[in-house]
Amino acid sequence: MSAFLTVFFSIFLAELGDKTQLATVLFASEDGPSKTLVFAGASLALIASTGLAVLLGAMAERYLAMAPLKLIAGLGFVIIGVLMIGEHFRAA
């Protein structure tokens, strides 16, 4: 149960305010689509992308068993952060 809660809260906090949620807010604010359909579509999309991530993670574990996967993931986040900071200064 501890692992479940760790994953749940990590993903929940990471997803707050991201582009996916902003897009969902925009779809839900329109008059046309049903709010239930927006919720269902956004939920299924998140489930599908999470399923893909789990499959890729399982394959990565198989082929990169000797590599420190947390280090690789952390470096990926650092690289994305540096690119986003660079983009901010280029746009300013």
PDB file of N, CA and C in Angstrom:
ATOM      1  N   MET A   1       0.820  -1.195   0.000  1.00  0.00           N
ATOM      2  CA  MET A   1       0.000   0.000   0.000  1.00  0.00           C
ATOM      3  C   MET A   1       0.862   1.257   0.000  1.00  0.00           C
ATOM      4  N   SER A   2       2.008   1.190   0.638  1.00  0.00           N
ATOM      5  CA  SER A   2       2.916   2.334   0.697  1.00  0.00           C
ATOM      6  C   SER A   2       3.388   2.735  -0.699  1.00  0.00           C
ATOM      7  N   ALA A   3       3.732   1.759  -1.529  1.00  0.00           N
ATOM      8  CA  ALA A   3       4.180   2.054  -2.893  1.00  0.00           C
ATOM      9  C   ALA A   3       3.048   2.693  -3.692  1.00  0.00           C
ATOM     10  N   PHE A   4       1.829   2.171  -3.521  1.00  0.00           N
ATOM     11  CA  PHE A   4       0.674   2.738  -4.217  1.00  0.00           C
ATOM     12  C   PHE A   4       0.486   4.203  -3.850  1.00  0.00           C
ATOM     13  N   LEU A   5       0.518   4.507  -2.562  1.00  0.00           N
ATOM     14  CA  LEU A   5       0.320   5.888  -2.113  1.00  0.00           C
ATOM     15  C   LEU A   5       1.438   6.801  -2.597  1.00  0.00           C
ATOM     16  N   THR A   6       2.655   6.300  -2.603  1.00  0.00           N
ATOM     17  CA  THR A   6       3.787   7.091  -3.098  1.00  0.00           C
ATOM     18  C   THR A   6       3.596   7.437  -4.560  1.00  0.00           C
ATOM     19  N   VAL A   7       3.239   6.433  -5.362  1.00  0.00           N
ATOM     20  CA  VAL A   7       3.010   6.673  -6.792  1.00  0.00           C
ATOM     21  C   VAL A   7       1.824   7.615  -6.978  1.00  0.00           C
ATOM     22  N   PHE A   8       0.729   7.352  -6.260  1.00  0.00           N
ATOM     23  CA  PHE A   8      -0.468   8.185  -6.406  1.00  0.00           C
ATOM     24  C   PHE A   8      -0.167   9.648  -6.126  1.00  0.00           C
ATOM     25  N   PHE A   9       0.426   9.928  -4.980  1.00  0.00           N
ATOM     26  CA  PHE A   9       0.663  11.330  -4.612  1.00  0.00           C
ATOM     27  C   PHE A   9       1.730  11.978  -5.485  1.00  0.00           C
ATOM     28  N   SER A  10       2.733  11.223  -5.899  1.00  0.00           N
ATOM     29  CA  SER A  10       3.754  11.782  -6.791  1.00  0.00           C
ATOM     30  C   SER A  10       3.150  12.200  -8.121  1.00  0.00           C
ATOM     31  N   ILE A  11       2.355  11.317  -8.716  1.00  0.00           N
ATOM     32  CA  ILE A  11       1.737  11.625 -10.005  1.00  0.00           C
ATOM     33  C   ILE A  11       0.662  12.699  -9.846  1.00  0.00           C
ATOM     34  N   PHE A  12      -0.132  12.604  -8.791  1.00  0.00           N
ATOM     35  CA  PHE A  12      -1.180  13.598  -8.553  1.00  0.00           C
ATOM     36  C   PHE A  12      -0.583  14.994  -8.450  1.00  0.00           C
ATOM     37  N   LEU A  13       0.465  15.155  -7.666  1.00  0.00           N
ATOM     38  CA  LEU A  13       1.092  16.476  -7.503  1.00  0.00           C
ATOM     39  C   LEU A  13       1.778  16.926  -8.784  1.00  0.00           C
ATOM     40  N   ALA A  14       2.399  15.994  -9.504  1.00  0.00           N
ATOM     41  CA  ALA A  14       3.088  16.356 -10.746  1.00  0.00           C
ATOM     42  C   ALA A  14       2.098  16.813 -11.815  1.00  0.00           C
ATOM     43  N   GLU A  15       0.895  16.265 -11.802  1.00  0.00           N
ATOM     44  CA  GLU A  15      -0.096  16.593 -12.820  1.00  0.00           C
ATOM     45  C   GLU A  15      -0.863  17.877 -12.536  1.00  0.00           C
ATOM     46  N   LEU A  16      -0.830  18.373 -11.303  1.00  0.00           N
ATOM     47  CA  LEU A  16      -1.569  19.591 -10.982  1.00  0.00           C
ATOM     48  C   LEU A  16      -1.053  20.769 -11.801  1.00  0.00           C
ATOM     49  N   GLY A  17      -1.946  21.388 -12.534  1.00  0.00           N
ATOM     50  CA  GLY A  17      -1.585  22.594 -13.271  1.00  0.00           C
ATOM     51  C   GLY A  17      -0.759  22.374 -14.521  1.00  0.00           C
ATOM     52  N   ASP A  18      -0.627  21.134 -14.995  1.00  0.00           N
ATOM     53  CA  ASP A  18       0.157  20.934 -16.210  1.00  0.00           C
ATOM     54  C   ASP A  18      -0.709  21.212 -17.438  1.00  0.00           C
ATOM     55  N   LYS A  19      -0.121  21.078 -18.619  1.00  0.00           N
ATOM     56  CA  LYS A  19      -0.836  21.404 -19.854  1.00  0.00           C
ATOM     57  C   LYS A  19      -2.064  20.525 -20.058  1.00  0.00           C
ATOM     58  N   THR A  20      -1.994  19.281 -19.597  1.00  0.00           N
ATOM     59  CA  THR A  20      -3.130  18.374 -19.738  1.00  0.00           C
ATOM     60  C   THR A  20      -4.330  18.900 -18.960  1.00  0.00           C
ATOM     61  N   GLN A  21      -4.092  19.329 -17.743  1.00  0.00           N
ATOM     62  CA  GLN A  21      -5.200  19.863 -16.947  1.00  0.00           C
ATOM     63  C   GLN A  21      -5.726  21.157 -17.532  1.00  0.00           C
ATOM     64  N   LEU A  22      -4.844  22.003 -18.022  1.00  0.00           N
ATOM     65  CA  LEU A  22      -5.295  23.256 -18.626  1.00  0.00           C
ATOM     66  C   LEU A  22      -6.149  22.984 -19.857  1.00  0.00           C
ATOM     67  N   ALA A  23      -5.752  22.011 -20.679  1.00  0.00           N
ATOM     68  CA  ALA A  23      -6.552  21.646 -21.850  1.00  0.00           C
ATOM     69  C   ALA A  23      -7.911  21.105 -21.410  1.00  0.00           C
ATOM     70  N   THR A  24      -7.930  20.301 -20.358  1.00  0.00           N
ATOM     71  CA  THR A  24      -9.188  19.751 -19.852  1.00  0.00           C
ATOM     72  C   THR A  24     -10.095  20.865 -19.347  1.00  0.00           C
ATOM     73  N   VAL A  25      -9.515  21.838 -18.651  1.00  0.00           N
ATOM     74  CA  VAL A  25     -10.301  22.988 -18.178  1.00  0.00           C
ATOM     75  C   VAL A  25     -10.918  23.726 -19.367  1.00  0.00           C
ATOM     76  N   LEU A  26     -10.141  23.916 -20.427  1.00  0.00           N
ATOM     77  CA  LEU A  26     -10.658  24.619 -21.599  1.00  0.00           C
ATOM     78  C   LEU A  26     -11.801  23.851 -22.252  1.00  0.00           C
ATOM     79  N   PHE A  27     -11.635  22.521 -22.404  1.00  0.00           N
ATOM     80  CA  PHE A  27     -12.711  21.717 -22.987  1.00  0.00           C
ATOM     81  C   PHE A  27     -13.965  21.762 -22.113  1.00  0.00           C
ATOM     82  N   ALA A  28     -13.773  21.686 -20.807  1.00  0.00           N
ATOM     83  CA  ALA A  28     -14.919  21.683 -19.887  1.00  0.00           C
ATOM     84  C   ALA A  28     -15.610  23.039 -19.831  1.00  0.00           C
ATOM     85  N   SER A  29     -14.898  24.108 -20.161  1.00  0.00           N
ATOM     86  CA  SER A  29     -15.495  25.443 -20.096  1.00  0.00           C
ATOM     87  C   SER A  29     -16.317  25.772 -21.334  1.00  0.00           C
ATOM     88  N   GLU A  30     -16.224  24.957 -22.387  1.00  0.00           N
ATOM     89  CA  GLU A  30     -17.011  25.191 -23.600  1.00  0.00           C
ATOM     90  C   GLU A  30     -18.452  24.738 -23.389  1.00  0.00           C
ATOM     91  N   ASP A  31     -19.356  25.338 -24.133  1.00  0.00           N
ATOM     92  CA  ASP A  31     -20.768  24.985 -24.015  1.00  0.00           C
ATOM     93  C   ASP A  31     -21.092  23.648 -24.665  1.00  0.00           C
ATOM     94  N   GLY A  32     -20.371  23.267 -25.708  1.00  0.00           N
ATOM     95  CA  GLY A  32     -20.725  22.098 -26.504  1.00  0.00           C
ATOM     96  C   GLY A  32     -20.637  20.751 -25.811  1.00  0.00           C
ATOM     97  N   PRO A  33     -19.438  20.335 -25.446  1.00  0.00           N
ATOM     98  CA  PRO A  33     -19.307  18.955 -24.959  1.00  0.00           C
ATOM     99  C   PRO A  33     -19.859  18.767 -23.541  1.00  0.00           C
ATOM    100  N   SER A  34     -20.383  17.573 -23.317  1.00  0.00           N
ATOM    101  CA  SER A  34     -20.857  17.216 -21.978  1.00  0.00           C
ATOM    102  C   SER A  34     -19.666  17.143 -21.030  1.00  0.00           C
ATOM    103  N   LYS A  35     -19.856  17.596 -19.812  1.00  0.00           N
ATOM    104  CA  LYS A  35     -18.782  17.544 -18.809  1.00  0.00           C
ATOM    105  C   LYS A  35     -18.402  16.097 -18.510  1.00  0.00           C
ATOM    106  N   THR A  36     -19.373  15.198 -18.577  1.00  0.00           N
ATOM    107  CA  THR A  36     -19.096  13.778 -18.362  1.00  0.00           C
ATOM    108  C   THR A  36     -18.193  13.239 -19.469  1.00  0.00           C
ATOM    109  N   LEU A  37     -18.460  13.655 -20.716  1.00  0.00           N
ATOM    110  CA  LEU A  37     -17.616  13.211 -21.826  1.00  0.00           C
ATOM    111  C   LEU A  37     -16.198  13.783 -21.719  1.00  0.00           C
ATOM    112  N   VAL A  38     -16.092  15.032 -21.294  1.00  0.00           N
ATOM    113  CA  VAL A  38     -14.763  15.628 -21.097  1.00  0.00           C
ATOM    114  C   VAL A  38     -14.004  14.847 -20.031  1.00  0.00           C
ATOM    115  N   PHE A  39     -14.679  14.547 -18.920  1.00  0.00           N
ATOM    116  CA  PHE A  39     -14.047  13.786 -17.846  1.00  0.00           C
ATOM    117  C   PHE A  39     -13.625  12.401 -18.335  1.00  0.00           C
ATOM    118  N   ALA A  40     -14.528  11.721 -19.034  1.00  0.00           N
ATOM    119  CA  ALA A  40     -14.225  10.373 -19.527  1.00  0.00           C
ATOM    120  C   ALA A  40     -13.083  10.392 -20.536  1.00  0.00           C
ATOM    121  N   GLY A  41     -13.113  11.340 -21.460  1.00  0.00           N
ATOM    122  CA  GLY A  41     -12.050  11.425 -22.462  1.00  0.00           C
ATOM    123  C   GLY A  41     -10.691  11.726 -21.840  1.00  0.00           C
ATOM    124  N   ALA A  42     -10.662  12.687 -20.922  1.00  0.00           N
ATOM    125  CA  ALA A  42      -9.403  13.040 -20.260  1.00  0.00           C
ATOM    126  C   ALA A  42      -8.895  11.888 -19.400  1.00  0.00           C
ATOM    127  N   SER A  43      -9.804  11.222 -18.727  1.00  0.00           N
ATOM    128  CA  SER A  43      -9.415  10.087 -17.873  1.00  0.00           C
ATOM    129  C   SER A  43      -8.850   8.942 -18.707  1.00  0.00           C
ATOM    130  N   LEU A  44      -9.533   8.590 -19.798  1.00  0.00           N
ATOM    131  CA  LEU A  44      -9.052   7.498 -20.654  1.00  0.00           C
ATOM    132  C   LEU A  44      -7.708   7.842 -21.295  1.00  0.00           C
ATOM    133  N   ALA A  45      -7.537   9.105 -21.674  1.00  0.00           N
ATOM    134  CA  ALA A  45      -6.261   9.518 -22.254  1.00  0.00           C
ATOM    135  C   ALA A  45      -5.134   9.371 -21.235  1.00  0.00           C
ATOM    136  N   LEU A  46      -5.389   9.764 -19.985  1.00  0.00           N
ATOM    137  CA  LEU A  46      -4.371   9.634 -18.943  1.00  0.00           C
ATOM    138  C   LEU A  46      -4.078   8.166 -18.649  1.00  0.00           C
ATOM    139  N   ILE A  47      -5.122   7.337 -18.633  1.00  0.00           N
ATOM    140  CA  ILE A  47      -4.917   5.901 -18.412  1.00  0.00           C
ATOM    141  C   ILE A  47      -4.085   5.302 -19.547  1.00  0.00           C
ATOM    142  N   ALA A  48      -4.398   5.669 -20.797  1.00  0.00           N
ATOM    143  CA  ALA A  48      -3.652   5.133 -21.939  1.00  0.00           C
ATOM    144  C   ALA A  48      -2.189   5.570 -21.913  1.00  0.00           C
ATOM    145  N   SER A  49      -1.941   6.857 -21.631  1.00  0.00           N
ATOM    146  CA  SER A  49      -0.552   7.326 -21.613  1.00  0.00           C
ATOM    147  C   SER A  49       0.215   6.727 -20.433  1.00  0.00           C
ATOM    148  N   THR A  50      -0.463   6.520 -19.309  1.00  0.00           N
ATOM    149  CA  THR A  50       0.178   5.891 -18.157  1.00  0.00           C
ATOM    150  C   THR A  50       0.482   4.425 -18.449  1.00  0.00           C
ATOM    151  N   GLY A  51      -0.448   3.739 -19.112  1.00  0.00           N
ATOM    152  CA  GLY A  51      -0.196   2.346 -19.507  1.00  0.00           C
ATOM    153  C   GLY A  51       1.016   2.234 -20.407  1.00  0.00           C
ATOM    154  N   LEU A  52       1.132   3.146 -21.360  1.00  0.00           N
ATOM    155  CA  LEU A  52       2.298   3.164 -22.243  1.00  0.00           C
ATOM    156  C   LEU A  52       3.585   3.403 -21.450  1.00  0.00           C
ATOM    157  N   ALA A  53       3.532   4.323 -20.496  1.00  0.00           N
ATOM    158  CA  ALA A  53       4.711   4.608 -19.670  1.00  0.00           C
ATOM    159  C   ALA A  53       5.114   3.392 -18.846  1.00  0.00           C
ATOM    160  N   VAL A  54       4.128   2.667 -18.309  1.00  0.00           N
ATOM    161  CA  VAL A  54       4.439   1.467 -17.521  1.00  0.00           C
ATOM    162  C   VAL A  54       5.071   0.402 -18.416  1.00  0.00           C
ATOM    163  N   LEU A  55       4.528   0.215 -19.623  1.00  0.00           N
ATOM    164  CA  LEU A  55       5.123  -0.764 -20.549  1.00  0.00           C
ATOM    165  C   LEU A  55       6.550  -0.387 -20.918  1.00  0.00           C
ATOM    166  N   LEU A  56       6.762   0.882 -21.232  1.00  0.00           N
ATOM    167  CA  LEU A  56       8.119   1.333 -21.576  1.00  0.00           C
ATOM    168  C   LEU A  56       9.061   1.192 -20.385  1.00  0.00           C
ATOM    169  N   GLY A  57       8.562   1.494 -19.185  1.00  0.00           N
ATOM    170  CA  GLY A  57       9.390   1.334 -17.990  1.00  0.00           C
ATOM    171  C   GLY A  57       9.751  -0.111 -17.745  1.00  0.00           C
ATOM    172  N   ALA A  58       8.808  -1.028 -17.970  1.00  0.00           N
ATOM    173  CA  ALA A  58       9.090  -2.449 -17.792  1.00  0.00           C
ATOM    174  C   ALA A  58      10.118  -2.930 -18.812  1.00  0.00           C
ATOM    175  N   MET A  59      10.006  -2.452 -20.057  1.00  0.00           N
ATOM    176  CA  MET A  59      10.999  -2.829 -21.071  1.00  0.00           C
ATOM    177  C   MET A  59      12.358  -2.226 -20.743  1.00  0.00           C
ATOM    178  N   ALA A  60      12.361  -0.994 -20.276  1.00  0.00           N
ATOM    179  CA  ALA A  60      13.626  -0.347 -19.923  1.00  0.00           C
ATOM    180  C   ALA A  60      14.309  -1.102 -18.793  1.00  0.00           C
ATOM    181  N   GLU A  61      13.525  -1.566 -17.833  1.00  0.00           N
ATOM    182  CA  GLU A  61      14.107  -2.318 -16.720  1.00  0.00           C
ATOM    183  C   GLU A  61      14.778  -3.586 -17.222  1.00  0.00           C
ATOM    184  N   ARG A  62      14.137  -4.232 -18.175  1.00  0.00           N
ATOM    185  CA  ARG A  62      14.684  -5.477 -18.717  1.00  0.00           C
ATOM    186  C   ARG A  62      16.016  -5.237 -19.430  1.00  0.00           C
ATOM    187  N   TYR A  63      16.088  -4.170 -20.214  1.00  0.00           N
ATOM    188  CA  TYR A  63      17.284  -3.928 -21.019  1.00  0.00           C
ATOM    189  C   TYR A  63      18.322  -3.055 -20.322  1.00  0.00           C
ATOM    190  N   LEU A  64      17.919  -2.335 -19.305  1.00  0.00           N
ATOM    191  CA  LEU A  64      18.840  -1.442 -18.603  1.00  0.00           C
ATOM    192  C   LEU A  64      18.972  -1.841 -17.139  1.00  0.00           C
ATOM    193  N   ALA A  65      18.888  -3.123 -16.859  1.00  0.00           N
ATOM    194  CA  ALA A  65      18.888  -3.593 -15.475  1.00  0.00           C
ATOM    195  C   ALA A  65      20.135  -3.159 -14.721  1.00  0.00           C
ATOM    196  N   MET A  66      21.240  -3.009 -15.395  1.00  0.00           N
ATOM    197  CA  MET A  66      22.468  -2.632 -14.711  1.00  0.00           C
ATOM    198  C   MET A  66      22.581  -1.124 -14.528  1.00  0.00           C
ATOM    199  N   ALA A  67      21.828  -0.356 -15.282  1.00  0.00           N
ATOM    200  CA  ALA A  67      21.917   1.103 -15.191  1.00  0.00           C
ATOM    201  C   ALA A  67      21.013   1.603 -14.065  1.00  0.00           C
ATOM    202  N   PRO A  68      21.430   2.631 -13.400  1.00  0.00           N
ATOM    203  CA  PRO A  68      20.596   3.212 -12.339  1.00  0.00           C
ATOM    204  C   PRO A  68      19.433   3.995 -12.949  1.00  0.00           C
ATOM    205  N   LEU A  69      18.262   3.357 -13.039  1.00  0.00           N
ATOM    206  CA  LEU A  69      17.129   3.963 -13.735  1.00  0.00           C
ATOM    207  C   LEU A  69      16.668   5.266 -13.095  1.00  0.00           C
ATOM    208  N   LYS A  70      16.736   5.355 -11.775  1.00  0.00           N
ATOM    209  CA  LYS A  70      16.326   6.607 -11.130  1.00  0.00           C
ATOM    210  C   LYS A  70      17.258   7.754 -11.513  1.00  0.00           C
ATOM    211  N   LEU A  71      18.532   7.454 -11.664  1.00  0.00           N
ATOM    212  CA  LEU A  71      19.488   8.472 -12.085  1.00  0.00           C
ATOM    213  C   LEU A  71      19.175   8.921 -13.512  1.00  0.00           C
ATOM    214  N   ILE A  72      18.883   7.972 -14.387  1.00  0.00           N
ATOM    215  CA  ILE A  72      18.550   8.309 -15.771  1.00  0.00           C
ATOM    216  C   ILE A  72      17.281   9.160 -15.811  1.00  0.00           C
ATOM    217  N   ALA A  73      16.261   8.773 -15.052  1.00  0.00           N
ATOM    218  CA  ALA A  73      15.017   9.546 -15.018  1.00  0.00           C
ATOM    219  C   ALA A  73      15.266  10.945 -14.453  1.00  0.00           C
ATOM    220  N   GLY A  74      16.052  11.034 -13.394  1.00  0.00           N
ATOM    221  CA  GLY A  74      16.373  12.331 -12.801  1.00  0.00           C
ATOM    222  C   GLY A  74      17.110  13.232 -13.776  1.00  0.00           C
ATOM    223  N   LEU A  75      18.065  12.675 -14.496  1.00  0.00           N
ATOM    224  CA  LEU A  75      18.789  13.461 -15.498  1.00  0.00           C
ATOM    225  C   LEU A  75      17.838  13.933 -16.596  1.00  0.00           C
ATOM    226  N   GLY A  76      16.891  13.077 -16.965  1.00  0.00           N
ATOM    227  CA  GLY A  76      15.902  13.486 -17.962  1.00  0.00           C
ATOM    228  C   GLY A  76      15.112  14.695 -17.504  1.00  0.00           C
ATOM    229  N   PHE A  77      14.677  14.698 -16.239  1.00  0.00           N
ATOM    230  CA  PHE A  77      13.944  15.845 -15.705  1.00  0.00           C
ATOM    231  C   PHE A  77      14.822  17.090 -15.647  1.00  0.00           C
ATOM    232  N   VAL A  78      16.086  16.932 -15.290  1.00  0.00           N
ATOM    233  CA  VAL A  78      16.997  18.080 -15.246  1.00  0.00           C
ATOM    234  C   VAL A  78      17.174  18.658 -16.647  1.00  0.00           C
ATOM    235  N   ILE A  79      17.344  17.787 -17.635  1.00  0.00           N
ATOM    236  CA  ILE A  79      17.503  18.257 -19.016  1.00  0.00           C
ATOM    237  C   ILE A  79      16.257  19.002 -19.478  1.00  0.00           C
ATOM    238  N   ILE A  80      15.095  18.452 -19.198  1.00  0.00           N
ATOM    239  CA  ILE A  80      13.843  19.122 -19.571  1.00  0.00           C
ATOM    240  C   ILE A  80      13.745  20.476 -18.874  1.00  0.00           C
ATOM    241  N   GLY A  81      14.110  20.540 -17.600  1.00  0.00           N
ATOM    242  CA  GLY A  81      14.081  21.798 -16.862  1.00  0.00           C
ATOM    243  C   GLY A  81      15.017  22.838 -17.458  1.00  0.00           C
ATOM    244  N   VAL A  82      16.223  22.431 -17.804  1.00  0.00           N
ATOM    245  CA  VAL A  82      17.190  23.357 -18.409  1.00  0.00           C
ATOM    246  C   VAL A  82      16.676  23.861 -19.749  1.00  0.00           C
ATOM    247  N   LEU A  83      16.089  22.958 -20.537  1.00  0.00           N
ATOM    248  CA  LEU A  83      15.528  23.378 -21.829  1.00  0.00           C
ATOM    249  C   LEU A  83      14.381  24.362 -21.640  1.00  0.00           C
ATOM    250  N   MET A  84      13.548  24.136 -20.643  1.00  0.00           N
ATOM    251  CA  MET A  84      12.428  25.049 -20.385  1.00  0.00           C
ATOM    252  C   MET A  84      12.926  26.413 -19.910  1.00  0.00           C
ATOM    253  N   ILE A  85      13.958  26.434 -19.077  1.00  0.00           N
ATOM    254  CA  ILE A  85      14.536  27.702 -18.626  1.00  0.00           C
ATOM    255  C   ILE A  85      15.127  28.448 -19.819  1.00  0.00           C
ATOM    256  N   GLY A  86      15.849  27.722 -20.691  1.00  0.00           N
ATOM    257  CA  GLY A  86      16.405  28.340 -21.881  1.00  0.00           C
ATOM    258  C   GLY A  86      15.324  28.912 -22.784  1.00  0.00           C
ATOM    259  N   GLU A  87      14.241  28.169 -22.942  1.00  0.00           N
ATOM    260  CA  GLU A  87      13.125  28.639 -23.759  1.00  0.00           C
ATOM    261  C   GLU A  87      12.503  29.905 -23.179  1.00  0.00           C
ATOM    262  N   HIS A  88      12.422  29.956 -21.850  1.00  0.00           N
ATOM    263  CA  HIS A  88      11.866  31.149 -21.198  1.00  0.00           C
ATOM    264  C   HIS A  88      12.702  32.379 -21.525  1.00  0.00           C
ATOM    265  N   PHE A  89      14.022  32.244 -21.432  1.00  0.00           N
ATOM    266  CA  PHE A  89      14.883  33.402 -21.682  1.00  0.00           C
ATOM    267  C   PHE A  89      14.948  33.774 -23.156  1.00  0.00           C
ATOM    268  N   ARG A  90      14.801  32.792 -24.046  1.00  0.00           N
ATOM    269  CA  ARG A  90      14.759  33.105 -25.479  1.00  0.00           C
ATOM    270  C   ARG A  90      13.473  33.859 -25.822  1.00  0.00           C
ATOM    271  N   ALA A  91      12.367  33.501 -25.153  1.00  0.00           N
ATOM    272  CA  ALA A  91      11.087  34.144 -25.440  1.00  0.00           C
ATOM    273  C   ALA A  91      11.005  35.545 -24.821  1.00  0.00           C
ATOM    274  N   ALA A  92      11.782  35.796 -23.781  1.00  0.00           N
ATOM    275  CA  ALA A  92      11.706  37.084 -23.084  1.00  0.00           C
ATOM    276  C   ALA A  92      12.432  38.161 -23.793  1.00  0.00           C
TER     277      ALA A  92
END
